[in-house]
């Protein structure tokens, strides 16, 4: 017998796929951002599987982690430019 419920990882992958599909409805300039969000969801779906039991929560958690990483990278780059 197969599973009767989906894992969080599978659910978050489905969220990413829906977000990717939804991004096609955005105007041309914004489509790349929708695609990027979907990519971000997939980056941490395995890790989020261990701590979270809601696929949407796992998806949002993954996106927020990636956004914070990008923000820190930008801050560090600006700091390095000032130090030079």
N, C-alpha and C. Protein backbone atom coordinates (compact mmCIF):
# COMPACT_ATOMS: atom_id res chain seq x y z
N UNK A 1 0.83 -1.18 0.00
CA UNK A 1 0.00 0.00 0.00
C UNK A 1 0.88 1.25 0.00
N UNK A 2 0.38 2.28 -0.64
CA UNK A 2 1.10 3.54 -0.69
C UNK A 2 0.74 4.43 0.48
N UNK A 3 1.38 5.56 0.51
CA UNK A 3 1.10 6.54 1.56
C UNK A 3 -0.30 7.09 1.40
N UNK A 4 -0.92 7.38 2.52
CA UNK A 4 -2.23 8.01 2.47
C UNK A 4 -2.13 9.51 2.73
N UNK A 5 -0.92 9.98 3.04
CA UNK A 5 -0.72 11.41 3.24
C UNK A 5 0.61 11.80 2.60
N UNK A 6 0.72 13.06 2.28
CA UNK A 6 1.94 13.56 1.65
C UNK A 6 2.89 14.07 2.72
N UNK A 7 4.17 13.91 2.46
CA UNK A 7 5.16 14.45 3.37
C UNK A 7 5.24 15.96 3.19
N UNK A 8 5.82 16.62 4.16
CA UNK A 8 5.99 18.07 4.06
C UNK A 8 6.86 18.41 2.87
N UNK A 9 7.87 17.60 2.63
CA UNK A 9 8.76 17.85 1.49
C UNK A 9 8.00 17.77 0.18
N UNK A 10 7.17 16.76 0.03
CA UNK A 10 6.37 16.64 -1.18
C UNK A 10 5.39 17.81 -1.29
N UNK A 11 4.79 18.19 -0.17
CA UNK A 11 3.86 19.30 -0.17
C UNK A 11 4.51 20.62 -0.52
N UNK A 12 5.71 20.84 0.01
CA UNK A 12 6.39 22.10 -0.31
C UNK A 12 6.85 22.12 -1.77
N UNK A 13 7.17 20.96 -2.31
CA UNK A 13 7.50 20.89 -3.75
C UNK A 13 6.27 21.25 -4.59
N UNK A 14 5.10 20.80 -4.15
CA UNK A 14 3.87 21.16 -4.85
C UNK A 14 3.59 22.65 -4.75
N UNK A 15 3.85 23.24 -3.58
CA UNK A 15 3.71 24.69 -3.42
C UNK A 15 4.63 25.40 -4.40
N UNK A 16 5.87 24.96 -4.49
CA UNK A 16 6.84 25.57 -5.41
C UNK A 16 6.35 25.46 -6.85
N UNK A 17 5.81 24.33 -7.21
CA UNK A 17 5.30 24.16 -8.58
C UNK A 17 4.10 25.05 -8.85
N UNK A 18 3.22 25.21 -7.84
CA UNK A 18 2.07 26.11 -8.01
C UNK A 18 2.55 27.56 -8.13
N UNK A 19 3.55 27.94 -7.32
CA UNK A 19 4.07 29.29 -7.40
C UNK A 19 4.74 29.54 -8.75
N UNK A 20 5.41 28.52 -9.26
CA UNK A 20 6.03 28.64 -10.58
C UNK A 20 4.96 28.84 -11.65
N UNK A 21 3.90 28.08 -11.55
CA UNK A 21 2.79 28.22 -12.50
C UNK A 21 2.13 29.59 -12.37
N UNK A 22 1.94 30.04 -11.14
CA UNK A 22 1.32 31.35 -10.91
C UNK A 22 2.20 32.48 -11.42
N UNK A 23 3.51 32.29 -11.40
CA UNK A 23 4.41 33.35 -11.86
C UNK A 23 4.24 33.62 -13.35
N UNK A 24 3.74 32.65 -14.08
CA UNK A 24 3.51 32.85 -15.52
C UNK A 24 2.41 33.87 -15.77
N UNK A 25 1.51 34.06 -14.80
CA UNK A 25 0.42 35.02 -14.94
C UNK A 25 0.88 36.45 -14.63
N UNK A 26 2.05 36.59 -14.05
CA UNK A 26 2.57 37.92 -13.73
C UNK A 26 3.03 38.62 -15.00
N UNK A 27 3.18 39.94 -14.92
CA UNK A 27 3.70 40.64 -16.10
C UNK A 27 5.14 40.21 -16.33
N UNK A 28 5.60 40.44 -17.51
CA UNK A 28 6.90 39.92 -17.97
C UNK A 28 8.04 40.27 -17.01
N UNK A 29 8.05 41.50 -16.48
CA UNK A 29 9.14 41.93 -15.61
C UNK A 29 9.13 41.21 -14.26
N UNK A 30 7.94 40.80 -13.80
CA UNK A 30 7.83 40.17 -12.48
C UNK A 30 7.94 38.65 -12.52
N UNK A 31 7.86 38.06 -13.68
CA UNK A 31 7.92 36.60 -13.79
C UNK A 31 9.19 36.03 -13.20
N UNK A 32 10.30 36.70 -13.40
CA UNK A 32 11.57 36.21 -12.89
C UNK A 32 11.56 36.12 -11.36
N UNK A 33 10.83 37.03 -10.70
CA UNK A 33 10.76 37.00 -9.24
C UNK A 33 9.89 35.84 -8.75
N UNK A 34 8.82 35.57 -9.46
CA UNK A 34 8.00 34.41 -9.11
C UNK A 34 8.79 33.12 -9.27
N UNK A 35 9.56 33.04 -10.33
CA UNK A 35 10.39 31.86 -10.57
C UNK A 35 11.45 31.72 -9.48
N UNK A 36 12.01 32.84 -9.08
CA UNK A 36 13.04 32.82 -8.02
C UNK A 36 12.45 32.34 -6.70
N UNK A 37 11.24 32.80 -6.37
CA UNK A 37 10.58 32.34 -5.15
C UNK A 37 10.39 30.83 -5.17
N UNK A 38 9.95 30.30 -6.31
CA UNK A 38 9.76 28.86 -6.42
C UNK A 38 11.07 28.11 -6.23
N UNK A 39 12.16 28.65 -6.76
CA UNK A 39 13.48 28.05 -6.58
C UNK A 39 13.88 28.06 -5.10
N UNK A 40 13.59 29.17 -4.42
CA UNK A 40 13.93 29.29 -3.01
C UNK A 40 13.20 28.25 -2.16
N UNK A 41 11.96 27.97 -2.51
CA UNK A 41 11.18 26.97 -1.77
C UNK A 41 11.87 25.62 -1.86
N UNK A 42 12.35 25.28 -3.02
CA UNK A 42 12.97 23.97 -3.24
C UNK A 42 14.32 23.84 -2.53
N UNK A 43 14.96 24.95 -2.23
CA UNK A 43 16.31 24.90 -1.65
C UNK A 43 16.34 24.29 -0.24
N UNK A 44 15.29 24.48 0.53
CA UNK A 44 15.31 24.03 1.92
C UNK A 44 14.16 23.09 2.27
N UNK A 45 13.52 22.53 1.28
CA UNK A 45 12.36 21.68 1.58
C UNK A 45 12.77 20.44 2.37
N UNK A 46 13.95 19.93 2.15
CA UNK A 46 14.39 18.75 2.90
C UNK A 46 14.65 19.08 4.37
N UNK A 47 15.30 20.21 4.62
CA UNK A 47 15.60 20.59 6.00
C UNK A 47 14.32 20.94 6.76
N UNK A 48 13.42 21.65 6.11
CA UNK A 48 12.17 22.06 6.76
C UNK A 48 11.30 20.85 7.10
N UNK A 49 11.50 19.76 6.38
CA UNK A 49 10.74 18.54 6.60
C UNK A 49 10.89 18.04 8.04
N UNK A 50 12.06 18.22 8.63
CA UNK A 50 12.33 17.70 9.97
C UNK A 50 11.61 18.48 11.07
N UNK A 51 11.42 19.77 10.89
CA UNK A 51 10.90 20.60 11.97
C UNK A 51 9.46 21.06 11.78
N UNK A 52 8.98 21.07 10.56
CA UNK A 52 7.67 21.65 10.28
C UNK A 52 6.72 20.59 9.72
N UNK A 53 5.45 20.76 10.00
CA UNK A 53 4.49 19.78 9.49
C UNK A 53 3.47 20.38 8.51
N UNK A 54 3.67 21.63 8.14
CA UNK A 54 2.79 22.30 7.19
C UNK A 54 3.60 22.67 5.95
N UNK A 55 3.22 22.18 4.77
CA UNK A 55 3.99 22.47 3.56
C UNK A 55 4.12 23.96 3.24
N UNK A 56 3.05 24.71 3.47
CA UNK A 56 3.12 26.14 3.20
C UNK A 56 4.09 26.83 4.16
N UNK A 57 4.04 26.43 5.42
CA UNK A 57 4.98 26.99 6.40
C UNK A 57 6.42 26.65 6.01
N UNK A 58 6.64 25.44 5.56
CA UNK A 58 7.99 25.04 5.11
C UNK A 58 8.42 25.87 3.91
N UNK A 59 7.49 26.13 2.99
CA UNK A 59 7.82 26.93 1.81
C UNK A 59 8.18 28.36 2.20
N UNK A 60 7.38 28.96 3.05
CA UNK A 60 7.64 30.34 3.48
C UNK A 60 8.94 30.40 4.28
N UNK A 61 9.17 29.43 5.14
CA UNK A 61 10.41 29.36 5.90
C UNK A 61 11.62 29.34 4.96
N UNK A 62 11.56 28.51 3.93
CA UNK A 62 12.66 28.41 2.97
C UNK A 62 12.90 29.74 2.27
N UNK A 63 11.84 30.39 1.83
CA UNK A 63 11.98 31.68 1.15
C UNK A 63 12.59 32.72 2.09
N UNK A 64 12.11 32.76 3.32
CA UNK A 64 12.65 33.74 4.26
C UNK A 64 14.12 33.51 4.56
N UNK A 65 14.53 32.25 4.67
CA UNK A 65 15.96 31.94 4.88
C UNK A 65 16.78 32.49 3.72
N UNK A 66 16.34 32.24 2.51
CA UNK A 66 17.09 32.70 1.33
C UNK A 66 17.12 34.22 1.24
N UNK A 67 16.01 34.88 1.58
CA UNK A 67 15.98 36.34 1.55
C UNK A 67 16.94 36.93 2.59
N UNK A 68 16.98 36.33 3.77
CA UNK A 68 17.91 36.80 4.79
C UNK A 68 19.36 36.59 4.37
N UNK A 69 19.63 35.46 3.75
CA UNK A 69 21.00 35.20 3.26
C UNK A 69 21.40 36.25 2.23
N UNK A 70 20.49 36.56 1.30
CA UNK A 70 20.78 37.56 0.28
C UNK A 70 20.98 38.94 0.90
N UNK A 71 20.17 39.26 1.90
CA UNK A 71 20.29 40.54 2.59
C UNK A 71 21.65 40.65 3.28
N UNK A 72 22.05 39.60 3.97
CA UNK A 72 23.35 39.60 4.64
C UNK A 72 24.49 39.72 3.64
N UNK A 73 24.37 39.05 2.53
CA UNK A 73 25.40 39.13 1.50
C UNK A 73 25.53 40.55 0.98
N UNK A 74 24.40 41.20 0.74
CA UNK A 74 24.43 42.59 0.26
C UNK A 74 25.05 43.51 1.31
N UNK A 75 24.70 43.32 2.58
CA UNK A 75 25.27 44.14 3.65
C UNK A 75 26.78 43.96 3.72
N UNK A 76 27.23 42.72 3.61
CA UNK A 76 28.67 42.44 3.67
C UNK A 76 29.39 43.05 2.47
N UNK A 77 28.78 43.01 1.30
CA UNK A 77 29.39 43.60 0.12
C UNK A 77 29.51 45.12 0.27
N UNK A 78 28.47 45.74 0.81
CA UNK A 78 28.50 47.18 1.02
C UNK A 78 29.56 47.54 2.06
N UNK A 79 29.66 46.72 3.10
CA UNK A 79 30.64 46.96 4.15
C UNK A 79 32.05 46.83 3.58
N UNK A 80 32.27 45.85 2.72
CA UNK A 80 33.58 45.68 2.10
C UNK A 80 33.91 46.84 1.20
N UNK A 81 32.91 47.41 0.50
CA UNK A 81 33.15 48.56 -0.36
C UNK A 81 33.55 49.78 0.46
N UNK A 82 32.97 49.94 1.62
CA UNK A 82 33.27 51.07 2.50
C UNK A 82 34.68 50.93 3.07
N UNK A 83 35.08 49.72 3.40
CA UNK A 83 36.38 49.46 4.00
C UNK A 83 37.54 49.69 3.03
N UNK A 84 37.26 49.66 1.76
CA UNK A 84 38.32 49.82 0.77
C UNK A 84 38.75 51.20 0.64
